[in-house]
Amino acid sequence: MTYSLTKQDVGILRLLQRDATTSTAAIAEKINISQSPCWRRINRMEQDGLIRGRVALLDRTALGMDVVVFATINLTSTGRQNLIEFEREIVGHPEVIECYTMTGIWDYMLKIVTRDIRHYEAFVRNTLTASPSIRELHSHMAVTEIKNTTELPLDSQL
């Protein structure tokens, strides 16, 4: 669905994706509209699915989750049923925080977060490689996090 956004809509989205706890009154003031129309715009964007939810972003290192791995996976077969089974299985693993189908030589890329390397090894050995649909798995450990954001590039893409 294409969605026609006004300058004020983009301003609302920019402010909310930086801090979802910002009050409607504060947002309205920053984008120079009154509170009621601002509230209606936010509601409309929520109902239309532009705003999927409002969450708290947690600090994984403060919580002791120090390992980030990007795992590339090839399946034993890329038939429709095998893809559906793998995807159904992978969404049930909380350690997998992102999963993408890929073009090129890999079928999938997963972003996996664990407390330490031992927990990652246990997850791979006991969970991922236990899956009959996985033929090949390669682990790419993140060493230094340079940029990690949930903010979409509204200013350059809309």
N, C-alpha and C. Protein backbone atom coordinates (compact mmCIF):
# COMPACT_ATOMS: atom_id res chain seq x y z
N MET A 1 0.85 -1.18 0.00
CA MET A 1 0.00 0.00 0.00
C MET A 1 0.89 1.24 0.00
N THR A 2 0.68 2.11 -0.96
CA THR A 2 1.40 3.37 -0.95
C THR A 2 0.66 4.32 -0.02
N TYR A 3 1.43 5.12 0.65
CA TYR A 3 0.87 5.98 1.67
C TYR A 3 1.41 7.38 1.44
N SER A 4 0.53 8.34 1.34
CA SER A 4 0.94 9.73 1.13
C SER A 4 1.16 10.40 2.49
N LEU A 5 2.41 10.73 2.78
CA LEU A 5 2.75 11.35 4.05
C LEU A 5 2.98 12.84 3.87
N THR A 6 2.46 13.60 4.81
CA THR A 6 2.72 15.03 4.82
C THR A 6 4.03 15.29 5.57
N LYS A 7 4.49 16.52 5.48
CA LYS A 7 5.69 16.90 6.23
C LYS A 7 5.47 16.69 7.73
N GLN A 8 4.26 16.99 8.20
CA GLN A 8 3.95 16.80 9.62
C GLN A 8 3.93 15.32 10.00
N ASP A 9 3.41 14.46 9.11
CA ASP A 9 3.42 13.02 9.38
C ASP A 9 4.85 12.52 9.54
N VAL A 10 5.73 12.94 8.65
CA VAL A 10 7.14 12.53 8.72
C VAL A 10 7.76 13.04 10.01
N GLY A 11 7.43 14.26 10.40
CA GLY A 11 7.93 14.81 11.65
C GLY A 11 7.47 14.00 12.85
N ILE A 12 6.21 13.59 12.84
CA ILE A 12 5.68 12.76 13.92
C ILE A 12 6.44 11.43 13.98
N LEU A 13 6.59 10.80 12.83
CA LEU A 13 7.29 9.51 12.79
C LEU A 13 8.74 9.64 13.25
N ARG A 14 9.40 10.71 12.83
CA ARG A 14 10.80 10.94 13.23
C ARG A 14 10.90 11.04 14.75
N LEU A 15 10.01 11.82 15.35
CA LEU A 15 10.05 12.00 16.80
C LEU A 15 9.69 10.71 17.54
N LEU A 16 8.69 9.99 17.06
CA LEU A 16 8.28 8.76 17.74
C LEU A 16 9.33 7.66 17.64
N GLN A 17 10.02 7.58 16.51
CA GLN A 17 11.01 6.51 16.41
C GLN A 17 12.26 6.83 17.22
N ARG A 18 12.45 8.06 17.57
CA ARG A 18 13.57 8.41 18.46
C ARG A 18 13.18 8.22 19.92
N ASP A 19 11.91 8.50 20.26
CA ASP A 19 11.45 8.33 21.63
C ASP A 19 9.93 8.16 21.62
N ALA A 20 9.50 6.90 21.72
CA ALA A 20 8.07 6.59 21.65
C ALA A 20 7.30 7.07 22.88
N THR A 21 8.01 7.52 23.92
CA THR A 21 7.32 8.02 25.10
C THR A 21 7.00 9.52 25.01
N THR A 22 7.41 10.16 23.92
CA THR A 22 7.12 11.58 23.74
C THR A 22 5.61 11.79 23.71
N SER A 23 5.15 12.73 24.48
CA SER A 23 3.70 12.97 24.56
C SER A 23 3.19 13.60 23.27
N THR A 24 1.92 13.40 23.03
CA THR A 24 1.28 14.00 21.86
C THR A 24 1.41 15.52 21.91
N ALA A 25 1.28 16.10 23.10
CA ALA A 25 1.41 17.56 23.24
C ALA A 25 2.80 18.01 22.83
N ALA A 26 3.83 17.29 23.26
CA ALA A 26 5.21 17.66 22.91
C ALA A 26 5.46 17.50 21.42
N ILE A 27 4.93 16.44 20.83
CA ILE A 27 5.09 16.24 19.39
C ILE A 27 4.40 17.36 18.63
N ALA A 28 3.16 17.65 19.02
CA ALA A 28 2.39 18.71 18.35
C ALA A 28 3.13 20.04 18.40
N GLU A 29 3.71 20.35 19.55
CA GLU A 29 4.45 21.60 19.70
C GLU A 29 5.67 21.63 18.78
N LYS A 30 6.38 20.51 18.68
CA LYS A 30 7.60 20.48 17.88
C LYS A 30 7.33 20.57 16.38
N ILE A 31 6.17 20.08 15.94
CA ILE A 31 5.88 20.14 14.50
C ILE A 31 4.87 21.24 14.16
N ASN A 32 4.56 22.07 15.14
CA ASN A 32 3.71 23.25 14.94
C ASN A 32 2.29 22.94 14.48
N ILE A 33 1.64 21.99 15.17
CA ILE A 33 0.21 21.79 14.97
C ILE A 33 -0.41 21.64 16.36
N SER A 34 -1.74 21.69 16.42
CA SER A 34 -2.38 21.55 17.72
C SER A 34 -2.44 20.06 18.10
N GLN A 35 -2.72 19.83 19.36
CA GLN A 35 -2.64 18.47 19.91
C GLN A 35 -3.67 17.51 19.30
N SER A 36 -4.89 17.95 19.10
CA SER A 36 -5.94 17.06 18.58
C SER A 36 -5.62 16.52 17.18
N PRO A 37 -5.26 17.39 16.22
CA PRO A 37 -4.91 16.86 14.91
C PRO A 37 -3.66 15.96 14.96
N CYS A 38 -2.74 16.27 15.84
CA CYS A 38 -1.55 15.44 16.01
C CYS A 38 -1.95 14.05 16.48
N TRP A 39 -2.83 14.00 17.48
CA TRP A 39 -3.31 12.73 18.01
C TRP A 39 -4.03 11.93 16.93
N ARG A 40 -4.85 12.62 16.11
CA ARG A 40 -5.58 11.93 15.03
C ARG A 40 -4.61 11.37 13.99
N ARG A 41 -3.56 12.12 13.67
CA ARG A 41 -2.56 11.64 12.71
C ARG A 41 -1.86 10.39 13.24
N ILE A 42 -1.48 10.42 14.51
CA ILE A 42 -0.81 9.27 15.11
C ILE A 42 -1.74 8.07 15.09
N ASN A 43 -2.99 8.25 15.48
CA ASN A 43 -3.96 7.16 15.46
C ASN A 43 -4.15 6.59 14.06
N ARG A 44 -4.25 7.48 13.07
CA ARG A 44 -4.42 7.02 11.69
C ARG A 44 -3.23 6.19 11.24
N MET A 45 -2.01 6.66 11.58
CA MET A 45 -0.82 5.93 11.17
C MET A 45 -0.70 4.59 11.90
N GLU A 46 -1.21 4.52 13.13
CA GLU A 46 -1.23 3.24 13.85
C GLU A 46 -2.24 2.30 13.20
N GLN A 47 -3.44 2.80 12.90
CA GLN A 47 -4.48 1.97 12.29
C GLN A 47 -4.08 1.50 10.90
N ASP A 48 -3.35 2.34 10.17
CA ASP A 48 -2.92 1.98 8.82
C ASP A 48 -1.66 1.11 8.81
N GLY A 49 -1.10 0.85 9.99
CA GLY A 49 0.04 -0.05 10.08
C GLY A 49 1.40 0.59 9.87
N LEU A 50 1.45 1.91 9.73
CA LEU A 50 2.77 2.58 9.62
C LEU A 50 3.51 2.52 10.94
N ILE A 51 2.77 2.65 12.02
CA ILE A 51 3.34 2.51 13.36
C ILE A 51 2.87 1.15 13.85
N ARG A 52 3.79 0.18 13.93
CA ARG A 52 3.42 -1.18 14.31
C ARG A 52 3.34 -1.38 15.80
N GLY A 53 4.02 -0.56 16.55
CA GLY A 53 4.01 -0.71 18.00
C GLY A 53 4.99 0.28 18.62
N ARG A 54 4.95 0.37 19.91
CA ARG A 54 5.87 1.23 20.66
C ARG A 54 6.55 0.36 21.69
N VAL A 55 7.88 0.39 21.68
CA VAL A 55 8.65 -0.53 22.52
C VAL A 55 9.74 0.21 23.29
N ALA A 56 10.25 -0.48 24.30
CA ALA A 56 11.44 0.00 25.00
C ALA A 56 12.63 -0.71 24.38
N LEU A 57 13.67 0.04 24.03
CA LEU A 57 14.88 -0.55 23.48
C LEU A 57 15.82 -0.86 24.63
N LEU A 58 16.15 -2.13 24.77
CA LEU A 58 16.98 -2.57 25.88
C LEU A 58 18.45 -2.58 25.50
N ASP A 59 19.31 -2.39 26.47
CA ASP A 59 20.76 -2.43 26.26
C ASP A 59 21.22 -3.86 26.50
N ARG A 60 21.51 -4.58 25.42
CA ARG A 60 21.84 -6.00 25.54
C ARG A 60 23.11 -6.21 26.34
N THR A 61 24.12 -5.32 26.21
CA THR A 61 25.36 -5.51 26.97
C THR A 61 25.14 -5.27 28.45
N ALA A 62 24.30 -4.31 28.81
CA ALA A 62 23.98 -4.08 30.22
C ALA A 62 23.25 -5.28 30.81
N LEU A 63 22.55 -6.01 29.96
CA LEU A 63 21.83 -7.21 30.40
C LEU A 63 22.69 -8.46 30.31
N GLY A 64 23.97 -8.29 29.92
CA GLY A 64 24.89 -9.42 29.88
C GLY A 64 24.81 -10.27 28.63
N MET A 65 24.23 -9.75 27.55
CA MET A 65 24.16 -10.49 26.30
C MET A 65 25.22 -9.94 25.36
N ASP A 66 26.42 -10.50 25.45
CA ASP A 66 27.59 -9.93 24.79
C ASP A 66 27.87 -10.45 23.39
N VAL A 67 27.24 -11.55 22.98
CA VAL A 67 27.57 -12.16 21.70
C VAL A 67 26.48 -11.87 20.66
N VAL A 68 26.92 -11.33 19.52
CA VAL A 68 26.05 -11.13 18.37
C VAL A 68 26.67 -11.91 17.22
N VAL A 69 25.87 -12.76 16.62
CA VAL A 69 26.33 -13.60 15.52
C VAL A 69 25.39 -13.42 14.33
N PHE A 70 25.99 -13.28 13.16
CA PHE A 70 25.23 -13.31 11.92
C PHE A 70 25.49 -14.69 11.32
N ALA A 71 24.48 -15.52 11.29
CA ALA A 71 24.63 -16.88 10.79
C ALA A 71 24.00 -16.98 9.41
N THR A 72 24.77 -17.51 8.47
CA THR A 72 24.25 -17.75 7.13
C THR A 72 23.92 -19.23 7.02
N ILE A 73 22.79 -19.50 6.39
CA ILE A 73 22.26 -20.86 6.37
C ILE A 73 21.82 -21.25 4.96
N ASN A 74 22.15 -22.47 4.59
CA ASN A 74 21.59 -23.11 3.41
C ASN A 74 20.78 -24.30 3.86
N LEU A 75 19.64 -24.48 3.24
CA LEU A 75 18.76 -25.59 3.59
C LEU A 75 19.10 -26.83 2.77
N THR A 76 18.66 -27.97 3.26
CA THR A 76 18.88 -29.22 2.53
C THR A 76 18.13 -29.21 1.21
N SER A 77 16.99 -28.54 1.19
CA SER A 77 16.18 -28.42 -0.01
C SER A 77 15.45 -27.09 0.07
N THR A 78 15.29 -26.43 -1.07
CA THR A 78 14.61 -25.14 -1.06
C THR A 78 13.18 -25.25 -1.58
N GLY A 79 12.62 -26.43 -1.48
CA GLY A 79 11.21 -26.59 -1.84
C GLY A 79 10.32 -25.80 -0.90
N ARG A 80 9.16 -25.45 -1.38
CA ARG A 80 8.23 -24.60 -0.63
C ARG A 80 7.96 -25.14 0.78
N GLN A 81 7.70 -26.43 0.89
CA GLN A 81 7.38 -27.01 2.20
C GLN A 81 8.57 -26.91 3.15
N ASN A 82 9.78 -27.13 2.67
CA ASN A 82 10.98 -27.04 3.49
C ASN A 82 11.18 -25.61 3.99
N LEU A 83 10.96 -24.63 3.11
CA LEU A 83 11.07 -23.22 3.50
C LEU A 83 10.06 -22.88 4.60
N ILE A 84 8.82 -23.31 4.41
CA ILE A 84 7.77 -23.03 5.39
C ILE A 84 8.11 -23.67 6.73
N GLU A 85 8.57 -24.91 6.72
CA GLU A 85 8.92 -25.59 7.97
C GLU A 85 10.07 -24.90 8.68
N PHE A 86 11.11 -24.52 7.92
CA PHE A 86 12.25 -23.84 8.54
C PHE A 86 11.80 -22.52 9.15
N GLU A 87 11.05 -21.73 8.43
CA GLU A 87 10.60 -20.42 8.91
C GLU A 87 9.70 -20.57 10.13
N ARG A 88 8.83 -21.55 10.13
CA ARG A 88 7.97 -21.80 11.29
C ARG A 88 8.82 -22.16 12.51
N GLU A 89 9.83 -22.95 12.29
CA GLU A 89 10.72 -23.38 13.37
C GLU A 89 11.54 -22.22 13.90
N ILE A 90 12.09 -21.40 13.01
CA ILE A 90 13.05 -20.36 13.41
C ILE A 90 12.38 -19.24 14.22
N VAL A 91 11.12 -18.94 13.94
CA VAL A 91 10.46 -17.86 14.68
C VAL A 91 10.22 -18.24 16.14
N GLY A 92 10.33 -19.51 16.45
CA GLY A 92 10.14 -19.95 17.84
C GLY A 92 11.38 -19.87 18.71
N HIS A 93 12.50 -19.44 18.13
CA HIS A 93 13.75 -19.35 18.90
C HIS A 93 14.02 -17.90 19.30
N PRO A 94 13.90 -17.56 20.59
CA PRO A 94 14.08 -16.16 21.01
C PRO A 94 15.49 -15.64 20.78
N GLU A 95 16.48 -16.50 20.68
CA GLU A 95 17.86 -16.05 20.42
C GLU A 95 17.99 -15.44 19.03
N VAL A 96 17.13 -15.86 18.12
CA VAL A 96 17.13 -15.32 16.75
C VAL A 96 16.28 -14.06 16.77
N ILE A 97 16.94 -12.92 16.68
CA ILE A 97 16.19 -11.67 16.76
C ILE A 97 15.86 -11.08 15.38
N GLU A 98 16.51 -11.59 14.34
CA GLU A 98 16.19 -11.21 12.97
C GLU A 98 16.44 -12.40 12.06
N CYS A 99 15.62 -12.54 11.03
CA CYS A 99 15.79 -13.62 10.05
C CYS A 99 15.36 -13.08 8.69
N TYR A 100 16.21 -13.28 7.70
CA TYR A 100 15.94 -12.79 6.35
C TYR A 100 16.19 -13.88 5.32
N THR A 101 15.35 -13.95 4.29
CA THR A 101 15.69 -14.76 3.14
C THR A 101 16.68 -13.93 2.33
N MET A 102 17.58 -14.62 1.64
CA MET A 102 18.67 -13.92 0.97
C MET A 102 18.71 -14.28 -0.52
N THR A 103 19.28 -13.35 -1.30
CA THR A 103 19.64 -13.69 -2.66
C THR A 103 21.10 -14.12 -2.63
N GLY A 104 21.56 -14.76 -3.68
CA GLY A 104 22.96 -15.17 -3.71
C GLY A 104 23.13 -16.58 -3.20
N ILE A 105 24.27 -16.85 -2.56
CA ILE A 105 24.62 -18.23 -2.21
C ILE A 105 23.97 -18.73 -0.92
N TRP A 106 23.41 -17.85 -0.12
CA TRP A 106 22.79 -18.27 1.15
C TRP A 106 21.29 -18.20 1.04
N ASP A 107 20.63 -19.13 1.70
CA ASP A 107 19.17 -19.11 1.73
C ASP A 107 18.63 -18.14 2.77
N TYR A 108 19.31 -18.11 3.95
CA TYR A 108 18.86 -17.26 5.05
C TYR A 108 20.04 -16.62 5.77
N MET A 109 19.77 -15.48 6.40
CA MET A 109 20.71 -14.88 7.33
C MET A 109 19.96 -14.62 8.62
N LEU A 110 20.57 -15.04 9.72
CA LEU A 110 19.98 -14.85 11.04
C LEU A 110 20.87 -13.93 11.85
N LYS A 111 20.25 -13.09 12.66
CA LYS A 111 20.98 -12.33 13.68
C LYS A 111 20.61 -12.97 15.00
N ILE A 112 21.64 -13.46 15.69
CA ILE A 112 21.44 -14.22 16.91
C ILE A 112 22.16 -13.51 18.06
N VAL A 113 21.50 -13.40 19.20
CA VAL A 113 22.10 -12.78 20.38
C VAL A 113 22.08 -13.80 21.52
N THR A 114 23.25 -13.97 22.15
CA THR A 114 23.35 -14.84 23.32
C THR A 114 24.22 -14.19 24.38
N ARG A 115 24.18 -14.75 25.57
CA ARG A 115 24.94 -14.21 26.69
C ARG A 115 26.44 -14.31 26.44
N ASP A 116 26.89 -15.46 25.97
CA ASP A 116 28.32 -15.65 25.73
C ASP A 116 28.51 -16.71 24.66
N ILE A 117 29.77 -16.99 24.33
CA ILE A 117 30.07 -17.92 23.26
C ILE A 117 29.61 -19.34 23.60
N ARG A 118 29.65 -19.71 24.85
CA ARG A 118 29.19 -21.04 25.26
C ARG A 118 27.69 -21.22 25.00
N HIS A 119 26.93 -20.17 25.28
CA HIS A 119 25.49 -20.24 25.01
C HIS A 119 25.23 -20.30 23.51
N TYR A 120 26.03 -19.58 22.73
CA TYR A 120 25.87 -19.66 21.28
C TYR A 120 26.18 -21.08 20.79
N GLU A 121 27.26 -21.63 21.28
CA GLU A 121 27.63 -22.99 20.88
C GLU A 121 26.52 -23.98 21.23
N ALA A 122 25.96 -23.86 22.42
CA ALA A 122 24.87 -24.75 22.83
C ALA A 122 23.65 -24.56 21.93
N PHE A 123 23.36 -23.32 21.58
CA PHE A 123 22.22 -23.04 20.70
C PHE A 123 22.43 -23.68 19.33
N VAL A 124 23.65 -23.55 18.79
CA VAL A 124 23.95 -24.14 17.49
C VAL A 124 23.87 -25.66 17.57
N ARG A 125 24.56 -26.23 18.55
CA ARG A 125 24.62 -27.70 18.65
C ARG A 125 23.27 -28.34 18.96
N ASN A 126 22.55 -27.76 19.90
CA ASN A 126 21.32 -28.39 20.39
C ASN A 126 20.06 -27.98 19.64
N THR A 127 20.14 -26.87 18.93
CA THR A 127 18.93 -26.36 18.29
C THR A 127 19.08 -26.27 16.78
N LEU A 128 19.98 -25.41 16.33
CA LEU A 128 20.07 -25.19 14.88
C LEU A 128 20.50 -26.43 14.12
N THR A 129 21.62 -27.03 14.50
CA THR A 129 22.09 -28.19 13.74
C THR A 129 21.25 -29.43 14.00
N ALA A 130 20.38 -29.38 14.98
CA ALA A 130 19.45 -30.48 15.21
C ALA A 130 18.31 -30.46 14.19
N SER A 131 18.16 -29.35 13.50
CA SER A 131 17.10 -29.22 12.50
C SER A 131 17.47 -29.99 11.25
N PRO A 132 16.61 -30.89 10.80
CA PRO A 132 16.91 -31.66 9.59
C PRO A 132 16.89 -30.82 8.31
N SER A 133 16.31 -29.61 8.38
CA SER A 133 16.22 -28.78 7.18
C SER A 133 17.50 -27.97 6.92
N ILE A 134 18.41 -27.89 7.90
CA ILE A 134 19.64 -27.11 7.71
C ILE A 134 20.75 -28.01 7.18
N ARG A 135 21.28 -27.65 6.01
CA ARG A 135 22.39 -28.38 5.40
C ARG A 135 23.73 -27.76 5.78
N GLU A 136 23.77 -26.42 5.81
CA GLU A 136 25.03 -25.72 6.01
C GLU A 136 24.79 -24.46 6.84
N LEU A 137 25.66 -24.22 7.82
CA LEU A 137 25.55 -23.05 8.69
C LEU A 137 26.94 -22.46 8.87
N HIS A 138 27.06 -21.17 8.67
CA HIS A 138 28.31 -20.46 8.91
C HIS A 138 28.06 -19.33 9.90
N SER A 139 28.91 -19.24 10.91
CA SER A 139 28.76 -18.23 11.95
C SER A 139 29.75 -17.09 11.71
N HIS A 140 29.24 -15.87 11.77
CA HIS A 140 30.06 -14.68 11.61
C HIS A 140 29.89 -13.85 12.88
N MET A 141 30.90 -13.89 13.75
CA MET A 141 30.82 -13.20 15.04
C MET A 141 31.05 -11.70 14.86
N ALA A 142 30.18 -10.92 15.44
CA ALA A 142 30.39 -9.47 15.45
C ALA A 142 31.43 -9.17 16.53
N VAL A 143 32.41 -8.36 16.17
CA VAL A 143 33.48 -8.02 17.11
C VAL A 143 33.20 -6.66 17.75
N THR A 144 32.96 -5.66 16.92
CA THR A 144 32.71 -4.31 17.40
C THR A 144 31.43 -3.79 16.76
N GLU A 145 30.55 -3.26 17.56
CA GLU A 145 29.32 -2.67 17.05
C GLU A 145 29.59 -1.21 16.71
N ILE A 146 29.52 -0.89 15.43
CA ILE A 146 29.77 0.48 14.98
C ILE A 146 28.48 1.28 14.95
N LYS A 147 27.43 0.69 14.43
CA LYS A 147 26.13 1.37 14.37
C LYS A 147 25.04 0.34 14.56
N ASN A 148 24.09 0.67 15.41
CA ASN A 148 22.93 -0.18 15.65
C ASN A 148 21.76 0.75 15.94
N THR A 149 20.85 0.83 15.02
CA THR A 149 19.71 1.72 15.19
C THR A 149 18.43 1.05 14.71
N THR A 150 17.33 1.51 15.23
CA THR A 150 16.04 1.06 14.74
C THR A 150 15.38 2.16 13.91
N GLU A 151 16.04 3.31 13.82
CA GLU A 151 15.47 4.45 13.10
C GLU A 151 15.56 4.25 11.59
N LEU A 152 14.42 4.35 10.92
CA LEU A 152 14.41 4.30 9.46
C LEU A 152 14.89 5.64 8.90
N PRO A 153 15.50 5.63 7.71
CA PRO A 153 16.04 6.88 7.12
C PRO A 153 14.96 7.73 6.47
N LEU A 154 14.07 8.27 7.29
CA LEU A 154 12.92 9.03 6.78
C LEU A 154 13.34 10.23 5.94
N ASP A 155 14.32 10.98 6.41
CA ASP A 155 14.70 12.22 5.72
C ASP A 155 15.26 11.98 4.33
N SER A 156 15.99 10.89 4.14
CA SER A 156 16.60 10.65 2.84
C SER A 156 15.76 9.77 1.92
N GLN A 157 14.72 9.12 2.45
CA GLN A 157 13.97 8.18 1.63
C GLN A 157 12.50 8.57 1.37
N LEU A 158 12.00 9.53 2.11
CA LEU A 158 10.59 9.94 1.89
C LEU A 158 10.53 11.31 1.26
